Structure formats: structure tokens, C-alpha cells
C-alpha atoms as a PDB file:
ATOM      1  CA  MET A   1      -7.937 -19.526   6.964  1.00  0.00           C
ATOM      2  CA  PRO A   2      -6.141 -15.989   7.040  1.00  0.00           C
ATOM      3  CA  SER A   3      -3.239 -15.458   5.891  1.00  0.00           C
ATOM      4  CA  ARG A   4      -0.139 -13.198   6.934  1.00  0.00           C
ATOM      5  CA  ILE A   5       0.390 -10.902   3.523  1.00  0.00           C
ATOM      6  CA  LEU A   6       2.824  -8.533   2.433  1.00  0.00           C
ATOM      7  CA  TYR A   7       1.515  -6.024  -0.626  1.00  0.00           C
ATOM      8  CA  GLY A   8       4.254  -4.719  -1.956  1.00  0.00           C
ATOM      9  CA  VAL A   9       2.682  -1.085  -4.106  1.00  0.00           C
ATOM     10  CA  VAL A  10       4.751   1.231  -6.427  1.00  0.00           C
ATOM     11  CA  GLY A  11       5.370   5.178  -4.538  1.00  0.00           C
ATOM     12  CA  ALA A  12       5.650   6.532  -6.931  1.00  0.00           C
ATOM     13  CA  GLY A  13       2.525   8.071  -8.501  1.00  0.00           C
ATOM     14  CA  LEU A  14      -0.975   7.382  -6.813  1.00  0.00           C
ATOM     15  CA  GLY A  15      -2.697   4.664  -9.248  1.00  0.00           C
ATOM     16  CA  HIS A  16      -1.258   2.327  -7.703  1.00  0.00           C
ATOM     17  CA  ALA A  17      -2.050   2.167  -4.351  1.00  0.00           C
ATOM     18  CA  MET A  18      -5.613   3.439  -4.799  1.00  0.00           C
ATOM     19  CA  ARG A  19      -6.559  -0.337  -6.142  1.00  0.00           C
ATOM     20  CA  ALA A  20      -4.060  -1.499  -3.647  1.00  0.00           C
ATOM     21  CA  GLN A  21      -6.013   0.161  -1.397  1.00  0.00           C
ATOM     22  CA  VAL A  22      -8.885  -1.539  -2.348  1.00  0.00           C
ATOM     23  CA  VAL A  23      -7.302  -5.037  -2.468  1.00  0.00           C
ATOM     24  CA  ALA A  24      -6.180  -4.698   1.231  1.00  0.00           C
ATOM     25  CA  GLN A  25      -9.491  -3.853   2.411  1.00  0.00           C
ATOM     26  CA  HIS A  26     -10.880  -6.642   0.655  1.00  0.00           C
ATOM     27  CA  LEU A  27      -7.968  -8.810   1.731  1.00  0.00           C
ATOM     28  CA  LEU A  28      -8.744  -7.094   5.207  1.00  0.00           C
ATOM     29  CA  ALA A  29     -12.571  -8.020   5.779  1.00  0.00           C
ATOM     30  CA  ALA A  30     -11.736 -11.630   5.156  1.00  0.00           C
ATOM     31  CA  GLY A  31      -9.475 -11.720   8.036  1.00  0.00           C
ATOM     32  CA  HIS A  32      -5.783 -11.794   6.648  1.00  0.00           C
ATOM     33  CA  ASP A  33      -3.245 -10.180   8.417  1.00  0.00           C
ATOM     34  CA  VAL A  34      -1.878  -7.449   5.544  1.00  0.00           C
ATOM     35  CA  CYS A  35       1.154  -4.938   5.493  1.00  0.00           C
ATOM     36  CA  VAL A  36       1.575  -2.638   2.625  1.00  0.00           C
ATOM     37  CA  LEU A  37       5.339  -1.964   1.757  1.00  0.00           C
ATOM     38  CA  THR A  38       5.454   1.520   0.457  1.00  0.00           C
ATOM     39  CA  SER A  39       7.128   5.135  -0.818  1.00  0.00           C
ATOM     40  CA  GLY A  40       6.902   7.598  -1.707  1.00  0.00           C
ATOM     41  CA  ARG A  41       2.894   9.329  -2.403  1.00  0.00           C
ATOM     42  CA  ALA A  42       1.647   6.344  -1.330  1.00  0.00           C
ATOM     43  CA  LEU A  43       2.818   5.799   1.773  1.00  0.00           C
ATOM     44  CA  PRO A  44      -0.009   8.242   3.664  1.00  0.00           C
ATOM     45  CA  VAL A  45      -2.124   8.362   1.409  1.00  0.00           C
ATOM     46  CA  LEU A  46      -2.704   4.308   2.378  1.00  0.00           C
ATOM     47  CA  ARG A  47      -2.602   5.340   5.880  1.00  0.00           C
ATOM     48  CA  ALA A  48      -5.508   7.346   5.864  1.00  0.00           C
ATOM     49  CA  HIS A  49      -7.430   4.996   5.029  1.00  0.00           C
ATOM     50  CA  GLY A  50      -6.089   2.662   7.965  1.00  0.00           C
ATOM     51  CA  LEU A  51      -3.560   0.722   6.349  1.00  0.00           C
ATOM     52  CA  ARG A  52      -0.700  -1.229   7.843  1.00  0.00           C
ATOM     53  CA  CYS A  53       2.237   1.021   6.140  1.00  0.00           C
ATOM     54  CA  VAL A  54       5.516   0.172   6.690  1.00  0.00           C
ATOM     55  CA  PRO A  55       7.963   3.359   4.796  1.00  0.00           C
ATOM     56  CA  ILE A  56      10.802   1.946   2.538  1.00  0.00           C
ATOM     57  CA  GLU A  57      13.291   3.508  -0.330  1.00  0.00           C
ATOM     58  CA  GLY A  58      11.424   3.701  -3.612  1.00  0.00           C
ATOM     59  CA  LEU A  59      11.797   5.615  -6.909  1.00  0.00           C
ATOM     60  CA  ASP A  60      10.057   9.032  -7.657  1.00  0.00           C
ATOM     61  CA  PHE A  61       9.881  10.555 -11.490  1.00  0.00           C
ATOM     62  CA  THR A  62      11.313  14.416 -11.996  1.00  0.00           C
ATOM     63  CA  TYR A  63      10.134  15.742 -15.065  1.00  0.00           C
ATOM     64  CA  GLU A  64      12.255  18.585 -16.929  1.00  0.00           C
END
């Protein structure tokens, strides 16, 4: 039975986003309705992979 899934992804860096993209695509292929909540650099990357994303406020890294 298909589920509605709200998937939260850390937006700082892209490691989590790349893994989430694979998982979300698998869930979509299985017939689930997936919506990704993310911020920062991950938002345009996940959208470019065709995922439905909702922008949220998130933390970011600053290096000095």
C-alpha cells in the first residue's frame, strides 16, 4: 500500500542529499508519494533530480 512520506534532509554539504536522492527515487518507484524538506545547497540539487522539495530554514557551515 503506497504511503505519503515526508523526508527531511540536511542541506549543508551534499553527502546526505545524494543518499537521500537514491532512497527517494526508490520510494517513488515503489509507488509512494515523497516530499523532501531541505535547505541550502541540497535544495537545487534534489530538485534537479526531479524530486518534489519544500525549502526550509537550515544550518550552514562557516570556515575561517
